[in-house]
Protein backbone atom coordinates (compact mmCIF):
# COMPACT_ATOMS: atom_id res chain seq x y z
CA MET A 1 -5.52 5.55 -84.55
CA LYS A 2 -3.53 7.26 -87.31
CA TYR A 3 -3.68 6.07 -90.92
CA GLN A 4 -7.44 5.70 -90.86
CA LYS A 5 -7.57 4.84 -94.57
CA VAL A 6 -5.10 2.00 -94.06
CA SER A 7 -6.95 0.60 -91.03
CA GLN A 8 -10.30 0.92 -92.84
CA TYR A 9 -8.90 -0.92 -95.86
CA LEU A 10 -7.54 -3.72 -93.65
CA ASN A 11 -10.88 -3.93 -91.83
CA ARG A 12 -12.65 -4.36 -95.16
CA CYS A 13 -10.23 -7.14 -96.11
CA ILE A 14 -11.06 -8.96 -92.88
CA ASN A 15 -14.82 -8.41 -93.09
CA LYS A 16 -15.04 -9.45 -96.75
CA GLY A 17 -12.74 -12.45 -96.32
CA SER A 18 -10.43 -11.05 -99.00
CA LEU A 19 -7.12 -11.23 -97.14
CA SER A 20 -3.90 -11.41 -99.11
CA HIS A 21 -1.23 -13.99 -98.30
CA ALA A 22 1.32 -11.17 -97.86
CA TYR A 23 1.49 -7.50 -96.87
CA ILE A 24 4.34 -5.01 -96.70
CA PHE A 25 4.09 -2.05 -94.33
CA TYR A 26 6.74 0.41 -95.47
CA GLY A 27 7.86 3.91 -94.53
CA PRO A 28 9.67 5.77 -91.74
CA ASP A 29 6.83 5.90 -89.19
CA GLU A 30 7.99 2.96 -87.05
CA TYR A 31 5.54 3.66 -84.24
CA SER A 32 2.46 3.49 -86.44
CA LYS A 33 3.71 0.47 -88.37
CA ASN A 34 4.29 -1.42 -85.14
CA GLU A 35 0.93 -0.36 -83.72
CA LEU A 36 -1.08 -1.22 -86.82
CA VAL A 37 0.64 -4.49 -87.71
CA PHE A 38 -0.19 -6.08 -84.35
CA TRP A 39 -3.69 -4.59 -84.36
CA PHE A 40 -4.25 -6.14 -87.80
CA ALA A 41 -2.83 -9.55 -86.86
CA ASN A 42 -4.80 -9.78 -83.62
CA LYS A 43 -7.95 -8.60 -85.38
CA ILE A 44 -7.64 -11.46 -87.90
CA LEU A 45 -7.00 -13.94 -85.10
CA LYS A 46 -9.82 -12.49 -82.97
CA ASN A 47 -7.31 -12.14 -80.17
CA GLU A 48 -8.99 -9.33 -78.23
CA SER A 49 -6.68 -9.64 -75.22
CA PHE A 50 -3.55 -9.07 -77.37
CA LYS A 51 -1.86 -11.77 -75.31
CA PHE A 52 0.19 -14.68 -76.66
CA HIS A 53 -1.51 -16.47 -79.54
CA PRO A 54 -0.27 -19.84 -80.88
CA ASP A 55 -1.00 -18.82 -84.49
CA LEU A 56 1.08 -15.63 -84.38
CA PHE A 57 4.84 -15.63 -84.98
CA SER A 58 6.86 -12.42 -84.73
CA ILE A 59 10.51 -11.78 -85.61
CA GLU A 60 12.25 -8.61 -84.49
CA SER A 61 15.97 -8.03 -84.89
CA ASP A 62 18.26 -5.68 -83.03
CA PRO A 63 19.07 -2.55 -85.09
CA ASP A 64 22.65 -3.67 -85.75
CA GLU A 65 21.95 -7.37 -86.38
CA GLU A 66 20.93 -9.27 -89.50
CA ILE A 67 17.98 -11.63 -89.58
CA SER A 68 19.64 -14.92 -90.38
CA ILE A 69 18.34 -17.79 -92.45
CA ASN A 70 17.82 -19.77 -89.21
CA PHE A 71 14.97 -17.43 -88.27
CA VAL A 72 13.38 -17.95 -91.68
CA ARG A 73 13.67 -21.72 -91.23
CA GLN A 74 11.89 -21.41 -87.88
CA LEU A 75 9.26 -19.35 -89.64
CA LYS A 76 8.79 -22.02 -92.31
CA ASN A 77 8.36 -24.75 -89.67
CA PHE A 78 5.73 -22.60 -87.94
CA LEU A 79 3.78 -21.83 -91.11
CA THR A 80 3.66 -25.39 -92.43
CA LEU A 81 1.58 -26.48 -89.41
CA ARG A 82 -2.18 -26.08 -89.50
CA PRO A 83 -3.67 -23.22 -87.40
CA CYS A 84 -4.33 -24.14 -83.78
CA LEU A 85 -7.41 -22.00 -83.09
CA GLY A 86 -8.73 -20.42 -86.26
CA GLU A 87 -8.32 -20.19 -90.02
CA HIS A 88 -4.96 -18.43 -90.26
CA LYS A 89 -1.36 -18.50 -89.14
CA ILE A 90 0.30 -15.08 -89.22
CA ALA A 91 3.98 -14.20 -89.37
CA ILE A 92 5.25 -10.67 -88.70
CA ILE A 93 8.82 -9.75 -89.65
CA GLN A 94 9.75 -6.37 -88.21
CA ASN A 95 12.79 -4.54 -89.60
CA ALA A 96 12.61 -6.89 -92.59
CA GLU A 97 15.34 -4.86 -94.29
CA LYS A 98 17.66 -6.73 -91.90
CA LEU A 99 17.01 -10.00 -93.77
CA ASN A 100 20.31 -10.96 -95.41
CA SER A 101 20.42 -12.23 -98.99
CA PHE A 102 20.15 -15.90 -97.95
CA SER A 103 17.18 -15.10 -95.71
CA GLN A 104 15.40 -13.13 -98.42
CA ASN A 105 15.80 -15.95 -100.95
CA ALA A 106 14.49 -18.46 -98.39
CA LEU A 107 11.56 -16.13 -97.65
CA LEU A 108 10.80 -15.83 -101.35
CA LYS A 109 10.47 -19.61 -101.54
CA ILE A 110 8.01 -19.50 -98.62
CA PHE A 111 6.02 -16.83 -100.48
CA GLU A 112 5.87 -19.06 -103.54
CA GLU A 113 4.84 -22.19 -101.65
CA ALA A 114 2.77 -20.80 -98.76
CA PRO A 115 -0.41 -22.71 -97.84
CA LYS A 116 -3.74 -20.87 -98.05
CA HIS A 117 -3.90 -20.35 -94.27
CA VAL A 118 -0.65 -18.33 -94.20
CA ILE A 119 -0.42 -14.53 -93.93
CA ILE A 120 3.03 -12.91 -93.87
CA ILE A 121 3.50 -9.24 -92.96
CA LEU A 122 6.82 -7.46 -93.50
CA CYS A 123 7.69 -4.10 -91.94
CA VAL A 124 10.42 -2.18 -93.79
CA LYS A 125 11.63 1.38 -94.06
CA THR A 126 11.86 1.34 -97.87
CA LEU A 127 10.67 -1.06 -100.55
CA ASP A 128 14.06 -1.12 -102.26
CA SER A 129 15.56 -2.79 -99.18
CA ILE A 130 13.94 -6.11 -100.09
CA LEU A 131 13.88 -8.21 -103.25
CA GLY A 132 11.56 -6.94 -105.95
CA THR A 133 10.30 -10.49 -106.39
CA ILE A 134 9.12 -10.42 -102.75
CA ALA A 135 7.59 -6.94 -102.99
CA SER A 136 5.70 -7.86 -106.17
CA ARG A 137 3.90 -10.68 -104.36
CA ALA A 138 2.53 -8.54 -101.51
CA VAL A 139 -0.01 -5.80 -100.89
CA LYS A 140 2.01 -2.68 -100.10
CA LEU A 141 0.83 -0.08 -97.57
CA SER A 142 2.79 3.11 -96.95
CA PHE A 143 3.53 4.80 -93.63
CA TRP A 144 5.24 7.98 -94.73
CA GLN A 145 3.60 10.33 -92.24
CA ALA A 146 6.58 10.24 -89.88
CA GLU A 147 4.82 12.09 -87.11
CA ARG A 148 4.36 11.63 -83.43
CA ASP A 149 1.26 13.05 -81.82
CA LEU A 150 3.43 14.96 -79.43
CA SER A 151 7.13 15.46 -78.80
CA LEU A 152 7.48 13.98 -75.37
CA SER A 153 11.25 13.63 -75.56
CA GLY A 154 12.77 16.03 -73.06
CA GLN A 155 9.31 17.18 -71.92
CA PHE A 156 7.88 14.25 -70.04
CA ASN A 157 9.88 11.85 -67.90
CA PHE A 158 8.04 8.54 -67.91
CA GLU A 159 10.32 7.20 -65.20
CA ASN A 160 8.98 9.88 -62.85
CA LEU A 161 5.42 8.74 -63.54
CA PHE A 162 6.47 5.13 -63.02
CA GLU A 163 7.89 5.96 -59.59
CA ALA A 164 5.26 8.49 -58.48
CA SER A 165 2.58 7.99 -55.84
CA PRO A 166 -1.00 7.83 -57.15
CA ALA A 167 -1.67 11.42 -56.06
CA ASP A 168 1.51 12.71 -57.71
CA ALA A 169 0.76 10.71 -60.87
CA TYR A 170 -2.69 12.30 -61.16
CA ASN A 171 -1.18 15.75 -60.65
CA CYS A 172 1.49 15.03 -63.25
CA LEU A 173 -1.04 13.96 -65.89
CA GLU A 174 -3.31 16.92 -65.19
CA LYS A 175 -0.45 19.41 -65.24
CA ASN A 176 0.75 18.23 -68.64
CA GLY A 177 -2.74 18.01 -70.14
CA ILE A 178 -2.14 14.38 -71.03
CA TYR A 179 -5.85 13.56 -71.29
CA LYS A 180 -6.03 15.66 -74.46
CA ILE A 181 -2.97 14.12 -76.15
CA PRO A 182 -3.83 10.95 -78.14
CA GLY A 183 -0.23 9.88 -78.61
CA PHE A 184 0.70 9.79 -74.92
CA PHE A 185 -0.52 6.27 -74.27
CA LYS A 186 1.35 4.95 -77.31
CA GLU A 187 4.56 6.54 -76.01
CA TRP A 188 3.86 5.06 -72.57
CA ILE A 189 3.51 1.55 -74.02
CA ILE A 190 6.77 1.95 -75.93
CA PHE A 191 8.46 3.08 -72.69
CA LEU A 192 7.14 0.01 -70.83
CA ARG A 193 8.26 -2.33 -73.61
CA THR A 194 11.76 -0.87 -73.53
CA LYS A 195 11.86 -1.09 -69.75
CA PHE A 196 10.73 -4.73 -69.89
CA LYS A 197 13.36 -5.62 -72.53
CA ASN A 198 16.07 -4.16 -70.30
CA ASN A 199 14.71 -5.79 -67.14
CA PRO A 200 12.23 -8.62 -67.90
CA THR A 201 10.50 -9.13 -64.55
CA ARG A 202 7.09 -10.67 -63.85
CA GLU A 203 5.89 -7.35 -62.43
CA LEU A 204 6.80 -5.45 -65.59
CA ALA A 205 5.26 -8.16 -67.77
CA ALA A 206 1.98 -7.89 -65.85
CA LEU A 207 2.07 -4.09 -66.02
CA LEU A 208 2.72 -4.14 -69.77
CA ILE A 209 -0.18 -6.54 -70.42
CA LYS A 210 -2.55 -4.42 -68.30
CA ASN A 211 -1.63 -1.24 -70.11
CA GLN A 212 -1.80 -2.82 -73.56
CA ASN A 213 -5.35 -3.86 -72.72
CA ILE A 214 -6.16 -0.31 -71.58
CA TYR A 215 -4.64 1.08 -74.78
CA PHE A 216 -6.73 -1.35 -76.84
CA LYS A 217 -9.92 -0.15 -75.10
CA LEU A 218 -8.90 3.47 -75.57
CA ASN A 219 -8.57 2.96 -79.35
CA GLU A 220 -11.30 0.41 -80.04
CA THR A 221 -14.13 1.42 -77.68
CA ASN A 222 -15.87 4.56 -76.47
CA ILE A 223 -14.17 4.53 -73.08
CA ASN A 224 -13.78 7.96 -71.49
CA PRO A 225 -10.05 8.88 -71.78
CA LYS A 226 -9.96 9.91 -68.13
CA PHE A 227 -11.17 6.46 -67.11
CA ALA A 228 -8.37 4.94 -69.19
CA TYR A 229 -5.80 7.03 -67.35
CA ASP A 230 -7.41 6.12 -64.03
CA GLU A 231 -6.76 2.48 -64.96
CA LEU A 232 -3.17 3.38 -65.87
CA ILE A 233 -2.50 4.90 -62.46
CA LEU A 234 -4.24 2.05 -60.62
CA SER A 235 -2.17 -0.47 -62.55
CA LEU A 236 0.99 1.28 -61.34
CA TRP A 237 -0.26 1.42 -57.76
CA LYS A 238 -1.18 -2.29 -57.66
CA THR A 239 2.09 -3.47 -59.22
């Protein structure tokens, strides 16, 4: 996982029970922000499967749409309830720069009145895209290393892997040296998410869940990378 210092700091916050009521993940590295924010939330909630959790609420807007005050009202209703399974309720607002002025003022009020069990995490490109009064109330963590572990665009066609036979898939991974590229699996998950958004079928949902679990094991355990990719190919074959 990139941003080791950030993940280590967040781990210490969890282990020491010194969690803040609000965090802001800011910077241009959208992939790492998205990866780390859900890792952090699920770690707090002890949600090892990364599946749906009743104490996690996530808002994500389309790139060309604002986040309206109605979403913030839904968020408030969610946060005012006691946690269902643990000690915390967590809200993630991705692309928080899309909050309009009414939404930001409503969010500020939530910040000021939030119960002790509430943790709110905002993901933004720049700090100046949100109210200073919001930013001043949160722990701010930067993601300025706008890198990708490899440039797969134009080099690797995920759709070909998705449609390949098991034998061809193995050959494809070997040929491209994928086992040695840490960022491949992250790119693969992003591809599956996009594919699911465009065509939300049960088969794609099951495939995405399986591969998220494999990705979690690849990052959080000592699993042999080749075994992880074996699971990837088998998940495609069984779907």
